[in-house]
Amino acid sequence: MFEEERIGVAARSAADGVGQAILLVHGRAGVEERVRELEVENLRLQHLVAELLLKNQRLRRVDQS
C-alpha cells in the first residue's frame, strides 16, 4: 500500500471515530448540527480560496506590467 493510501485510510478511520463519538455524546441531532456547521465552514473556506486566487491573479498582472 502506498503512503498516501495509508494516510487516507487512517484519516477516514479517525473521521469515523469522531463521527461516532459525536453521535454517542449528542445523538442524531448533534451529528446533524455538526454537519451544518461544517457545511458553513466549507463555504467560508471556498470563498476565501476564490478571493485569494483573484488577488493572486491581480498581483501577477501588476508584476507583469
N, C-alpha and C. Protein backbone atom coordinates (compact mmCIF):
# COMPACT_ATOMS: atom_id res chain seq x y z
N MET A 1 0.86 -1.19 0.00
CA MET A 1 0.00 0.00 0.00
C MET A 1 0.90 1.24 0.00
N PHE A 2 0.57 2.21 -0.82
CA PHE A 2 1.34 3.44 -0.90
C PHE A 2 1.11 4.28 0.35
N GLU A 3 2.06 5.15 0.64
CA GLU A 3 1.98 6.02 1.82
C GLU A 3 0.71 6.87 1.80
N GLU A 4 0.36 7.44 0.62
CA GLU A 4 -0.84 8.27 0.53
C GLU A 4 -2.10 7.48 0.86
N GLU A 5 -2.15 6.22 0.41
CA GLU A 5 -3.30 5.37 0.70
C GLU A 5 -3.41 5.09 2.19
N ARG A 6 -2.27 4.82 2.83
CA ARG A 6 -2.28 4.57 4.29
C ARG A 6 -2.76 5.79 5.04
N ILE A 7 -2.31 6.97 4.62
CA ILE A 7 -2.74 8.21 5.27
C ILE A 7 -4.24 8.40 5.08
N GLY A 8 -4.74 8.15 3.86
CA GLY A 8 -6.17 8.28 3.59
C GLY A 8 -7.00 7.34 4.44
N VAL A 9 -6.55 6.09 4.57
CA VAL A 9 -7.27 5.11 5.39
C VAL A 9 -7.26 5.55 6.85
N ALA A 10 -6.13 6.02 7.33
CA ALA A 10 -6.04 6.47 8.72
C ALA A 10 -6.94 7.68 8.96
N ALA A 11 -6.97 8.60 8.01
CA ALA A 11 -7.81 9.79 8.15
C ALA A 11 -9.29 9.41 8.18
N ARG A 12 -9.67 8.48 7.29
CA ARG A 12 -11.08 8.05 7.28
C ARG A 12 -11.43 7.35 8.58
N SER A 13 -10.54 6.53 9.10
CA SER A 13 -10.78 5.86 10.38
C SER A 13 -10.94 6.86 11.51
N ALA A 14 -10.08 7.87 11.52
CA ALA A 14 -10.17 8.91 12.55
C ALA A 14 -11.47 9.67 12.42
N ALA A 15 -11.86 10.01 11.19
CA ALA A 15 -13.10 10.74 10.97
C ALA A 15 -14.30 9.91 11.40
N ASP A 16 -14.27 8.61 11.11
CA ASP A 16 -15.36 7.73 11.54
C ASP A 16 -15.45 7.69 13.06
N GLY A 17 -14.30 7.66 13.71
CA GLY A 17 -14.28 7.65 15.18
C GLY A 17 -14.85 8.93 15.76
N VAL A 18 -14.51 10.06 15.16
CA VAL A 18 -15.04 11.34 15.63
C VAL A 18 -16.55 11.39 15.43
N GLY A 19 -17.01 10.94 14.26
CA GLY A 19 -18.44 10.91 13.99
C GLY A 19 -19.18 10.04 14.98
N GLN A 20 -18.62 8.90 15.30
CA GLN A 20 -19.25 8.01 16.28
C GLN A 20 -19.27 8.64 17.66
N ALA A 21 -18.19 9.34 18.02
CA ALA A 21 -18.13 10.00 19.32
C ALA A 21 -19.19 11.09 19.42
N ILE A 22 -19.35 11.88 18.36
CA ILE A 22 -20.38 12.94 18.36
C ILE A 22 -21.76 12.31 18.50
N LEU A 23 -21.98 11.21 17.77
CA LEU A 23 -23.27 10.53 17.83
C LEU A 23 -23.55 10.04 19.25
N LEU A 24 -22.56 9.45 19.90
CA LEU A 24 -22.74 8.95 21.26
C LEU A 24 -23.02 10.07 22.25
N VAL A 25 -22.33 11.19 22.10
CA VAL A 25 -22.46 12.28 23.06
C VAL A 25 -23.71 13.11 22.81
N HIS A 26 -23.99 13.43 21.55
CA HIS A 26 -25.05 14.37 21.24
C HIS A 26 -26.26 13.76 20.56
N GLY A 27 -26.19 12.53 20.17
CA GLY A 27 -27.29 11.91 19.47
C GLY A 27 -27.36 12.38 18.03
N ARG A 28 -28.41 11.97 17.35
CA ARG A 28 -28.55 12.27 15.92
C ARG A 28 -28.61 13.78 15.67
N ALA A 29 -29.30 14.53 16.52
CA ALA A 29 -29.40 15.98 16.34
C ALA A 29 -28.03 16.63 16.40
N GLY A 30 -27.16 16.13 17.27
CA GLY A 30 -25.80 16.67 17.38
C GLY A 30 -25.00 16.45 16.11
N VAL A 31 -25.18 15.29 15.51
CA VAL A 31 -24.48 14.99 14.26
C VAL A 31 -24.98 15.91 13.16
N GLU A 32 -26.29 16.07 13.06
CA GLU A 32 -26.85 16.93 12.02
C GLU A 32 -26.41 18.38 12.20
N GLU A 33 -26.34 18.84 13.43
CA GLU A 33 -25.87 20.21 13.71
C GLU A 33 -24.41 20.36 13.30
N ARG A 34 -23.61 19.35 13.61
CA ARG A 34 -22.18 19.40 13.26
C ARG A 34 -22.01 19.42 11.74
N VAL A 35 -22.83 18.65 11.03
CA VAL A 35 -22.77 18.64 9.57
C VAL A 35 -23.09 20.04 9.04
N ARG A 36 -24.11 20.68 9.60
CA ARG A 36 -24.45 22.04 9.16
C ARG A 36 -23.29 23.00 9.43
N GLU A 37 -22.68 22.89 10.61
CA GLU A 37 -21.54 23.76 10.93
C GLU A 37 -20.40 23.55 9.93
N LEU A 38 -20.12 22.30 9.60
CA LEU A 38 -19.04 22.01 8.66
C LEU A 38 -19.37 22.49 7.25
N GLU A 39 -20.64 22.42 6.86
CA GLU A 39 -21.03 22.93 5.54
C GLU A 39 -20.83 24.44 5.46
N VAL A 40 -21.18 25.15 6.54
CA VAL A 40 -20.98 26.61 6.57
C VAL A 40 -19.49 26.92 6.52
N GLU A 41 -18.70 26.19 7.28
CA GLU A 41 -17.24 26.40 7.28
C GLU A 41 -16.66 26.10 5.90
N ASN A 42 -17.15 25.06 5.26
CA ASN A 42 -16.68 24.70 3.92
C ASN A 42 -16.96 25.84 2.94
N LEU A 43 -18.16 26.41 2.97
CA LEU A 43 -18.48 27.53 2.09
C LEU A 43 -17.59 28.73 2.36
N ARG A 44 -17.35 29.01 3.64
CA ARG A 44 -16.47 30.12 4.01
C ARG A 44 -15.07 29.91 3.42
N LEU A 45 -14.57 28.70 3.55
CA LEU A 45 -13.24 28.41 3.03
C LEU A 45 -13.19 28.46 1.51
N GLN A 46 -14.26 28.01 0.84
CA GLN A 46 -14.31 28.10 -0.62
C GLN A 46 -14.27 29.56 -1.07
N HIS A 47 -15.00 30.42 -0.38
CA HIS A 47 -14.98 31.85 -0.73
C HIS A 47 -13.59 32.45 -0.48
N LEU A 48 -12.97 32.05 0.60
CA LEU A 48 -11.63 32.55 0.90
C LEU A 48 -10.64 32.13 -0.18
N VAL A 49 -10.70 30.88 -0.62
CA VAL A 49 -9.81 30.40 -1.67
C VAL A 49 -10.04 31.19 -2.96
N ALA A 50 -11.32 31.40 -3.30
CA ALA A 50 -11.64 32.17 -4.52
C ALA A 50 -11.07 33.58 -4.42
N GLU A 51 -11.23 34.20 -3.27
CA GLU A 51 -10.70 35.56 -3.06
C GLU A 51 -9.18 35.58 -3.19
N LEU A 52 -8.52 34.60 -2.62
CA LEU A 52 -7.05 34.53 -2.71
C LEU A 52 -6.58 34.30 -4.14
N LEU A 53 -7.31 33.47 -4.89
CA LEU A 53 -6.95 33.25 -6.30
C LEU A 53 -7.08 34.54 -7.10
N LEU A 54 -8.14 35.30 -6.86
CA LEU A 54 -8.30 36.58 -7.56
C LEU A 54 -7.19 37.55 -7.21
N LYS A 55 -6.84 37.63 -5.92
CA LYS A 55 -5.74 38.51 -5.51
C LYS A 55 -4.44 38.09 -6.18
N ASN A 56 -4.21 36.79 -6.25
CA ASN A 56 -3.01 36.27 -6.87
C ASN A 56 -2.95 36.67 -8.34
N GLN A 57 -4.08 36.54 -9.04
CA GLN A 57 -4.13 36.94 -10.46
C GLN A 57 -3.83 38.43 -10.61
N ARG A 58 -4.42 39.24 -9.75
CA ARG A 58 -4.18 40.70 -9.83
C ARG A 58 -2.71 41.02 -9.60
N LEU A 59 -2.12 40.38 -8.61
CA LEU A 59 -0.70 40.64 -8.32
C LEU A 59 0.19 40.19 -9.48
N ARG A 60 -0.14 39.09 -10.10
CA ARG A 60 0.65 38.61 -11.24
C ARG A 60 0.53 39.58 -12.42
N ARG A 61 -0.66 40.12 -12.63
CA ARG A 61 -0.84 41.09 -13.72
C ARG A 61 -0.03 42.35 -13.47
N VAL A 62 -0.04 42.83 -12.23
CA VAL A 62 0.72 44.03 -11.87
C VAL A 62 2.21 43.74 -12.04
N ASP A 63 2.63 42.57 -11.64
CA ASP A 63 4.05 42.19 -11.74
C ASP A 63 4.50 42.11 -13.20
N GLN A 64 3.61 41.68 -14.09
CA GLN A 64 3.94 41.56 -15.50
C GLN A 64 3.95 42.90 -16.22
N SER A 65 3.28 43.88 -15.65
CA SER A 65 3.19 45.20 -16.29
C SER A 65 4.49 45.97 -16.21
